[in-house]
Amino acid sequence: MIRRYTLPEMGAIWTEKARFEQMLRVELAVSRAQAARGVVPPEALATIEARATVDPERIAEIERTTDHDVIAFVSQVAETIGPDGRYLHLGLTSSDVVDTALALQLRDAGELLLRDCDRLLAALVTRARSEADTLMMGRTHSVHAEPITFGLKLAGWAFEIDRGRRRLATAVDEIATGKISGPVGTYSHLGPDVEAEVLAELDLHVDPSSTQIVQRDRHAALLTTIAILGGSLERFATEVRNLQHTELGARRVHVQSELGEDFGLDVGPEVAVRPDGSRDLAGRDLVDGGREAASAAVDLERPTGELQPERDRLGVDAVGAAHHQRVGLAPGAGDQRGQEPVAVAQQELARVAQLEGQRGVDDVAARQPEVEVAALRSDRLRDLAHERDHVV
């Protein structure tokens, strides 16, 4: 695992010691099932349960001789048990222990991801509602288009995370599958009843046809689902960083969850220290971690403009009025030749509204008499309530 992107709770699941402890958990469940059938003496089971422990360093030492991690594991645990250690691992093949323990680890990790999806979804829904009236420019191919709201953008993210969460829940349920069917899955030493009892104790599904291993399509489905979620997170984080480019003059954006965490993200050139001494480490890690999970995340959302309420409002007014002239909702619409000056005015207005504010809009209005942009002067800015009718 990459330490920079690994939270302590998740990292604890994937330590060597945690892996061997899950393998021991499987071994103990098998010993109990065999004791119930008279294969393991009750006294031996009591000793096994009381004394069995794992020591990763000793396992590594034994493995240097055996060149087999499971043999080294069983040998080390048997050492801690004493003579009754001979009852450990009876009738099992290595994959019975390794794959079933891996299912336990993956389920625990998946449950952490599901919990965090729930927290993220709650934060996005809360913020989408609070930003339902925050106007900003929509963009297509990075160019100003119809006005939208920041709440609409966040709502789209919330629905995407909800879809990802449902896919993840299915994948986590499927990955919770083990096998205790022995070599090549033939139950030659342990019957299906033992497998059913052991996996029920571990709260795992039984692989109906495991062969030597638990079939790997489940693992592929889980990793693919995580990759899709990682791509979503990378895209969200990249979008937030784009909304705050220094040259665009955008303000800091905070997304605060109901639990009080402040996911504020700033961005400067790369991760350089900014004049206020802060660095965008959170933004960097979200972007890089998401890319790591997704391998090659695709930007599914066309870039949108920066959040700067006063100037973005001017951009909304300017581009909205000019655009409605082009589509026939304001005077000046007509054939292609009639629309060309409006298109030029639209681009100019979008630029100056962001860079120069109201003064720039007034200057453009004075220089474009052939297009009715005088209506964009501060005393005649049109009511854009209808722009939000279907996006709040």
Protein backbone atom coordinates (compact mmCIF):
# COMPACT_ATOMS: atom_id res chain seq x y z
CA MET A 1 0.00 0.00 0.00
CA ILE A 2 1.12 3.58 -0.63
CA ARG A 3 1.56 5.21 2.78
CA ARG A 4 0.61 8.72 1.66
CA TYR A 5 -2.87 7.56 0.63
CA THR A 6 -3.41 4.98 3.39
CA LEU A 7 -5.57 5.91 6.36
CA PRO A 8 -4.62 4.15 9.63
CA GLU A 9 -7.88 2.22 9.91
CA MET A 10 -7.51 0.82 6.40
CA GLY A 11 -3.80 0.19 6.76
CA ALA A 12 -4.41 -1.88 9.90
CA ILE A 13 -6.45 -4.38 7.88
CA TRP A 14 -3.56 -5.06 5.49
CA THR A 15 -0.59 -5.54 7.78
CA GLU A 16 1.21 -8.88 7.70
CA LYS A 17 0.12 -9.56 11.26
CA ALA A 18 -3.52 -8.83 10.42
CA ARG A 19 -3.32 -11.22 7.46
CA PHE A 20 -1.93 -14.05 9.59
CA GLU A 21 -4.49 -13.37 12.33
CA GLN A 22 -7.30 -13.81 9.82
CA MET A 23 -5.70 -17.03 8.62
CA LEU A 24 -5.57 -18.23 12.24
CA ARG A 25 -9.21 -17.29 12.62
CA VAL A 26 -10.03 -19.66 9.74
CA GLU A 27 -7.89 -22.44 11.20
CA LEU A 28 -9.61 -22.14 14.60
CA ALA A 29 -13.08 -22.27 13.03
CA VAL A 30 -12.09 -25.46 11.18
CA SER A 31 -10.71 -26.99 14.39
CA ARG A 32 -13.99 -26.30 16.17
CA ALA A 33 -16.01 -27.90 13.38
CA GLN A 34 -13.73 -30.95 13.44
CA ALA A 35 -13.94 -31.17 17.22
CA ALA A 36 -17.73 -31.27 16.95
CA ARG A 37 -17.29 -34.33 14.71
CA GLY A 38 -14.78 -36.07 16.96
CA VAL A 39 -11.78 -35.50 14.69
CA VAL A 40 -10.05 -33.13 17.11
CA PRO A 41 -10.14 -34.11 20.82
CA PRO A 42 -11.87 -31.58 23.08
CA GLU A 43 -8.72 -31.15 25.18
CA ALA A 44 -6.66 -30.45 22.10
CA LEU A 45 -9.19 -27.86 20.91
CA ALA A 46 -9.04 -26.12 24.27
CA THR A 47 -5.26 -25.96 24.06
CA ILE A 48 -5.33 -24.72 20.47
CA GLU A 49 -7.78 -21.93 21.32
CA ALA A 50 -5.84 -20.91 24.42
CA ARG A 51 -2.31 -20.90 23.02
CA ALA A 52 -2.44 -20.26 19.27
CA THR A 53 -0.83 -16.95 18.34
CA VAL A 54 0.94 -15.53 15.28
CA ASP A 55 4.43 -14.09 15.09
CA PRO A 56 5.17 -12.52 11.67
CA GLU A 57 8.91 -12.35 12.32
CA ARG A 58 9.11 -16.05 13.19
CA ILE A 59 6.96 -16.91 10.17
CA ALA A 60 9.35 -14.97 7.92
CA GLU A 61 12.28 -16.82 9.48
CA ILE A 62 10.71 -20.24 8.83
CA GLU A 63 9.69 -19.23 5.30
CA ARG A 64 13.31 -18.60 4.40
CA THR A 65 13.72 -22.36 4.79
CA THR A 66 10.37 -23.65 3.51
CA ASP A 67 9.82 -21.13 0.67
CA HIS A 68 6.10 -21.48 1.45
CA ASP A 69 4.23 -18.90 3.48
CA VAL A 70 1.38 -21.17 4.60
CA ILE A 71 3.69 -23.97 5.74
CA ALA A 72 5.69 -21.37 7.64
CA PHE A 73 2.49 -19.97 9.17
CA VAL A 74 1.18 -23.38 10.27
CA SER A 75 4.60 -24.35 11.66
CA GLN A 76 4.91 -21.16 13.69
CA VAL A 77 1.41 -21.41 15.14
CA ALA A 78 1.96 -25.10 15.98
CA GLU A 79 5.09 -24.08 17.90
CA THR A 80 2.99 -21.85 20.16
CA ILE A 81 0.44 -24.63 20.75
CA GLY A 82 2.76 -27.48 21.59
CA PRO A 83 2.06 -31.19 20.86
CA ASP A 84 -1.61 -30.53 20.11
CA GLY A 85 -0.47 -28.34 17.22
CA ARG A 86 -0.53 -31.52 15.11
CA TYR A 87 -4.32 -31.14 14.88
CA LEU A 88 -3.99 -27.79 13.13
CA HIS A 89 -4.69 -27.59 9.38
CA LEU A 90 -6.09 -31.12 9.13
CA GLY A 91 -7.60 -31.84 5.71
CA LEU A 92 -7.01 -28.31 4.42
CA THR A 93 -5.19 -27.00 1.39
CA SER A 94 -3.38 -23.68 1.46
CA SER A 95 -6.03 -21.85 -0.57
CA ASP A 96 -8.72 -22.84 1.93
CA VAL A 97 -6.94 -20.70 4.50
CA VAL A 98 -5.47 -17.99 2.27
CA ASP A 99 -8.54 -17.25 0.14
CA THR A 100 -10.99 -17.41 3.03
CA ALA A 101 -8.80 -15.10 5.13
CA LEU A 102 -8.52 -12.75 2.15
CA ALA A 103 -12.32 -12.67 1.93
CA LEU A 104 -12.44 -11.54 5.56
CA GLN A 105 -9.90 -8.79 4.90
CA LEU A 106 -11.65 -7.59 1.75
CA ARG A 107 -15.01 -7.52 3.48
CA ASP A 108 -13.60 -5.44 6.34
CA ALA A 109 -11.95 -3.06 3.89
CA GLY A 110 -15.12 -2.84 1.82
CA GLU A 111 -17.18 -1.97 4.88
CA LEU A 112 -14.82 0.91 5.63
CA LEU A 113 -15.24 2.17 2.06
CA LEU A 114 -19.03 1.90 2.32
CA ARG A 115 -18.99 3.88 5.55
CA ASP A 116 -16.89 6.61 3.95
CA CYS A 117 -19.16 6.64 0.89
CA ASP A 118 -22.09 7.30 3.21
CA ARG A 119 -20.23 10.20 4.85
CA LEU A 120 -19.23 11.70 1.52
CA LEU A 121 -22.75 11.33 0.13
CA ALA A 122 -24.25 13.07 3.19
CA ALA A 123 -21.75 15.93 2.84
CA LEU A 124 -22.48 16.36 -0.88
CA VAL A 125 -26.26 16.33 -0.39
CA THR A 126 -26.04 18.90 2.41
CA ARG A 127 -23.79 21.19 0.42
CA ALA A 128 -25.79 20.77 -2.81
CA ARG A 129 -28.90 21.99 -1.01
CA SER A 130 -27.11 24.93 0.59
CA GLU A 131 -25.65 25.99 -2.80
CA ALA A 132 -28.89 25.52 -4.73
CA ASP A 133 -29.06 29.27 -5.53
CA THR A 134 -25.35 29.91 -6.07
CA LEU A 135 -25.12 30.94 -9.71
CA MET A 136 -22.04 30.10 -11.75
CA MET A 137 -21.20 29.70 -15.39
CA GLY A 138 -21.69 26.40 -17.09
CA ARG A 139 -19.04 25.64 -19.67
CA THR A 140 -18.74 23.54 -22.78
CA HIS A 141 -15.22 22.91 -24.07
CA SER A 142 -14.11 25.43 -21.40
CA VAL A 143 -16.22 28.20 -22.98
CA HIS A 144 -19.09 29.92 -21.14
CA ALA A 145 -22.46 28.33 -21.88
CA GLU A 146 -25.78 28.46 -20.01
CA PRO A 147 -25.73 29.53 -16.35
CA ILE A 148 -25.96 26.75 -13.78
CA THR A 149 -25.74 26.62 -10.01
CA PHE A 150 -23.00 25.17 -7.87
CA GLY A 151 -25.72 23.12 -6.18
CA LEU A 152 -26.56 21.47 -9.50
CA LYS A 153 -22.94 20.45 -9.95
CA LEU A 154 -22.78 18.99 -6.45
CA ALA A 155 -26.08 17.19 -6.94
CA GLY A 156 -24.61 15.44 -9.95
CA TRP A 157 -21.67 14.36 -7.86
CA ALA A 158 -23.99 13.11 -5.11
CA PHE A 159 -25.96 10.91 -7.50
CA GLU A 160 -22.71 9.56 -8.95
CA ILE A 161 -21.43 8.61 -5.49
CA ASP A 162 -24.79 7.00 -4.71
CA ARG A 163 -24.50 4.83 -7.81
CA GLY A 164 -20.95 3.93 -6.92
CA ARG A 165 -21.97 3.11 -3.38
CA ARG A 166 -24.65 0.69 -4.58
CA ARG A 167 -22.19 -1.01 -6.92
CA LEU A 168 -19.68 -1.24 -4.08
CA ALA A 169 -22.22 -2.78 -1.70
CA THR A 170 -22.92 -5.53 -4.22
CA ALA A 171 -19.23 -6.18 -4.81
CA VAL A 172 -18.46 -6.30 -1.07
CA ASP A 173 -21.26 -8.79 -0.50
CA GLU A 174 -19.97 -11.00 -3.33
CA ILE A 175 -16.34 -10.85 -2.18
CA ALA A 176 -17.37 -12.22 1.23
CA THR A 177 -17.03 -15.75 -0.15
CA GLY A 178 -14.75 -18.50 1.12
CA LYS A 179 -13.92 -22.16 0.59
CA ILE A 180 -13.09 -25.09 2.87
CA SER A 181 -13.28 -27.74 0.15
CA GLY A 182 -9.72 -29.05 0.27
CA PRO A 183 -7.35 -29.73 -2.64
CA VAL A 184 -8.89 -28.76 -6.00
CA GLY A 185 -12.26 -28.33 -4.32
CA THR A 186 -13.22 -32.01 -4.18
CA TYR A 187 -13.99 -32.29 -0.42
CA SER A 188 -11.71 -35.32 -0.34
CA HIS A 189 -10.82 -34.80 3.34
CA LEU A 190 -13.53 -32.48 4.67
CA GLY A 191 -17.21 -32.71 3.78
CA PRO A 192 -19.42 -29.88 2.53
CA ASP A 193 -21.08 -29.84 5.96
CA VAL A 194 -17.78 -28.75 7.56
CA GLU A 195 -17.36 -26.01 4.97
CA ALA A 196 -20.91 -24.77 5.53
CA GLU A 197 -20.44 -24.69 9.31
CA VAL A 198 -17.08 -22.91 9.17
CA LEU A 199 -18.18 -20.26 6.69
CA ALA A 200 -21.41 -19.67 8.60
CA GLU A 201 -19.34 -18.97 11.71
CA LEU A 202 -17.22 -16.52 9.71
CA ASP A 203 -20.35 -15.01 8.12
CA LEU A 204 -19.12 -15.77 4.60
CA HIS A 205 -20.83 -17.20 1.53
CA VAL A 206 -19.89 -20.66 0.26
CA ASP A 207 -18.31 -20.75 -3.18
CA PRO A 208 -20.58 -23.25 -4.97
CA SER A 209 -17.73 -24.50 -7.19
CA SER A 210 -14.44 -23.29 -5.88
CA THR A 211 -11.92 -25.65 -7.54
CA GLN A 212 -8.51 -24.98 -5.96
CA ILE A 213 -9.30 -21.33 -5.27
CA VAL A 214 -12.19 -18.93 -4.75
CA GLN A 215 -13.04 -17.77 -8.26
CA ARG A 216 -11.41 -14.44 -9.08
CA ASP A 217 -14.22 -12.75 -11.00
CA ARG A 218 -15.46 -11.50 -7.61
CA HIS A 219 -12.12 -9.84 -6.93
CA ALA A 220 -12.10 -8.27 -10.38
CA ALA A 221 -15.59 -6.86 -9.79
CA LEU A 222 -14.57 -5.31 -6.47
CA LEU A 223 -11.41 -3.74 -7.86
CA THR A 224 -13.29 -2.40 -10.88
CA THR A 225 -15.91 -0.83 -8.63
CA ILE A 226 -13.21 0.76 -6.47
CA ALA A 227 -11.51 2.04 -9.64
CA ILE A 228 -14.75 3.68 -10.81
CA LEU A 229 -15.20 5.37 -7.43
CA GLY A 230 -11.57 6.44 -7.49
CA GLY A 231 -12.10 7.97 -10.91
CA SER A 232 -15.09 9.89 -9.58
CA LEU A 233 -13.11 11.24 -6.63
CA GLU A 234 -10.21 12.23 -8.86
CA ARG A 235 -12.59 14.08 -11.16
CA PHE A 236 -14.31 15.89 -8.29
CA ALA A 237 -11.01 16.94 -6.75
CA THR A 238 -9.63 18.09 -10.11
CA GLU A 239 -12.77 20.12 -10.72
CA VAL A 240 -12.50 21.82 -7.32
CA ARG A 241 -8.88 22.63 -8.02
CA ASN A 242 -9.77 24.00 -11.45
CA LEU A 243 -12.45 26.18 -9.88
CA GLN A 244 -9.73 27.84 -7.80
CA HIS A 245 -6.96 28.55 -10.29
CA THR A 246 -4.99 31.54 -9.10
CA GLU A 247 -5.17 33.25 -12.50
CA LEU A 248 -8.97 33.03 -12.38
CA GLY A 249 -9.12 34.77 -9.02
CA ALA A 250 -11.41 32.19 -7.50
CA ARG A 251 -12.11 31.92 -3.80
CA ARG A 252 -11.55 29.02 -1.45
CA VAL A 253 -14.21 26.34 -1.63
CA HIS A 254 -15.19 24.39 1.47
CA VAL A 255 -17.19 21.20 1.61
CA GLN A 256 -18.05 20.52 5.22
CA SER A 257 -19.69 17.32 6.29
CA GLU A 258 -22.29 16.94 8.98
CA LEU A 259 -19.57 15.50 11.19
CA GLY A 260 -17.69 18.79 11.02
CA GLU A 261 -14.71 17.85 8.83
CA ASP A 262 -13.55 20.75 6.69
CA PHE A 263 -12.56 19.49 3.25
CA GLY A 264 -11.32 22.93 2.16
CA LEU A 265 -9.15 22.75 -0.95
CA ASP A 266 -6.90 25.48 -2.29
CA VAL A 267 -4.73 25.26 -5.34
CA GLY A 268 -1.64 27.09 -6.52
CA PRO A 269 0.99 26.11 -9.08
CA GLU A 270 1.60 22.44 -8.36
CA VAL A 271 1.86 22.25 -4.56
CA ALA A 272 3.91 25.38 -4.07
CA VAL A 273 3.65 27.28 -0.81
CA ARG A 274 1.29 30.22 -1.33
CA PRO A 275 1.77 33.74 0.03
CA ASP A 276 -0.36 32.88 3.08
CA GLY A 277 1.90 29.93 3.82
CA SER A 278 -0.70 27.26 3.03
CA ARG A 279 -0.26 24.34 0.65
CA ASP A 280 -2.85 22.29 -1.21
CA LEU A 281 -1.84 18.92 0.19
CA ALA A 282 -5.42 17.70 0.57
CA GLY A 283 -6.27 18.55 -3.02
CA ARG A 284 -3.10 16.94 -4.28
CA ASP A 285 -3.68 13.73 -2.34
CA LEU A 286 -7.31 13.47 -3.43
CA VAL A 287 -6.35 13.87 -7.07
CA ASP A 288 -3.31 11.58 -6.92
CA GLY A 289 -5.04 8.98 -4.75
CA GLY A 290 -8.04 8.89 -7.03
CA ARG A 291 -5.81 8.43 -10.04
CA GLU A 292 -3.97 5.64 -8.26
CA ALA A 293 -7.25 3.84 -7.62
CA ALA A 294 -8.60 4.37 -11.11
CA SER A 295 -5.25 3.94 -12.92
CA ALA A 296 -6.49 6.11 -15.79
CA ALA A 297 -9.46 8.17 -14.69
CA VAL A 298 -11.46 9.85 -17.44
CA ASP A 299 -12.79 13.39 -17.07
CA LEU A 300 -16.50 12.80 -17.61
CA GLU A 301 -17.55 16.38 -16.90
CA ARG A 302 -16.88 19.32 -19.15
CA PRO A 303 -14.85 21.96 -17.29
CA THR A 304 -16.87 24.62 -15.49
CA GLY A 305 -16.01 28.13 -14.48
CA GLU A 306 -14.57 29.51 -11.31
CA LEU A 307 -16.60 30.41 -8.25
CA GLN A 308 -16.36 34.14 -7.73
CA PRO A 309 -19.87 35.42 -6.96
CA GLU A 310 -19.71 39.04 -8.15
CA ARG A 311 -17.82 38.55 -11.39
CA ASP A 312 -19.42 35.21 -12.11
CA ARG A 313 -22.79 36.89 -11.75
CA LEU A 314 -21.73 39.42 -14.38
CA GLY A 315 -20.59 36.57 -16.59
CA VAL A 316 -23.94 34.86 -16.12
CA ASP A 317 -25.80 38.06 -17.00
CA ALA A 318 -23.62 38.91 -19.96
CA VAL A 319 -23.46 35.50 -21.56
CA GLY A 320 -27.06 34.69 -20.73
CA ALA A 321 -28.38 37.80 -22.46
CA ALA A 322 -26.16 37.39 -25.49
CA HIS A 323 -26.98 33.69 -25.74
CA HIS A 324 -30.72 34.34 -25.63
CA GLN A 325 -30.31 36.82 -28.48
CA ARG A 326 -28.65 34.06 -30.49
CA VAL A 327 -31.40 31.54 -29.90
CA GLY A 328 -34.22 33.99 -30.58
CA LEU A 329 -35.31 34.80 -27.02
CA ALA A 330 -34.13 38.43 -27.29
CA PRO A 331 -33.99 41.02 -30.10
CA GLY A 332 -31.23 40.55 -32.63
CA ALA A 333 -31.74 36.90 -33.51
CA GLY A 334 -32.01 35.98 -37.16
CA ASP A 335 -29.89 34.44 -39.85
CA GLN A 336 -26.29 33.32 -39.34
CA ARG A 337 -24.92 36.73 -40.33
CA GLY A 338 -27.07 38.37 -37.69
CA GLN A 339 -25.82 35.98 -35.06
CA GLU A 340 -22.12 36.48 -35.75
CA PRO A 341 -21.79 39.87 -34.00
CA VAL A 342 -23.76 38.47 -31.08
CA ALA A 343 -21.33 35.56 -30.82
CA VAL A 344 -18.39 37.98 -30.86
CA ALA A 345 -20.05 40.08 -28.17
CA GLN A 346 -20.74 36.96 -26.10
CA GLN A 347 -17.09 35.97 -26.06
CA GLU A 348 -15.94 39.48 -25.30
CA LEU A 349 -18.49 39.94 -22.53
CA ALA A 350 -17.54 36.66 -20.91
CA ARG A 351 -13.90 37.65 -20.88
CA VAL A 352 -14.27 41.17 -19.52
CA ALA A 353 -16.94 40.22 -16.99
CA GLN A 354 -14.46 37.87 -15.32
CA LEU A 355 -11.35 40.03 -15.68
CA GLU A 356 -12.63 43.62 -15.40
CA GLY A 357 -16.04 43.46 -13.71
CA GLN A 358 -18.89 45.86 -14.38
CA ARG A 359 -16.66 48.55 -15.89
CA GLY A 360 -15.52 46.13 -18.57
CA VAL A 361 -19.11 45.13 -19.33
CA ASP A 362 -20.10 48.76 -19.73
CA ASP A 363 -17.16 49.38 -22.08
CA VAL A 364 -18.15 46.44 -24.29
CA ALA A 365 -21.76 47.61 -24.29
CA ALA A 366 -20.64 51.04 -25.52
CA ARG A 367 -18.51 49.50 -28.28
CA GLN A 368 -21.12 47.05 -29.59
CA PRO A 369 -24.05 49.19 -30.82
CA GLU A 370 -25.12 46.61 -33.40
CA VAL A 371 -26.01 44.21 -30.57
CA GLU A 372 -28.37 45.12 -27.78
CA VAL A 373 -25.81 44.67 -25.03
CA ALA A 374 -26.64 48.01 -23.48
CA ALA A 375 -29.21 46.02 -21.54
CA LEU A 376 -26.27 44.57 -19.66
CA ARG A 377 -25.50 47.82 -17.88
CA SER A 378 -25.75 47.59 -14.13
CA ASP A 379 -29.10 49.37 -14.00
CA ARG A 380 -30.69 46.94 -16.47
CA LEU A 381 -29.28 43.53 -15.54
CA ARG A 382 -32.05 41.09 -16.25
CA ASP A 383 -33.67 38.83 -13.66
CA LEU A 384 -32.15 35.36 -14.03
CA ALA A 385 -34.61 33.58 -11.77
CA HIS A 386 -35.88 31.54 -14.72
CA GLU A 387 -32.33 30.21 -15.26
CA ARG A 388 -32.66 28.37 -11.94
CA ASP A 389 -36.18 27.03 -12.41
CA HIS A 390 -34.99 23.55 -13.28
CA VAL A 391 -31.59 23.37 -11.59
CA VAL A 392 -32.23 24.17 -7.92
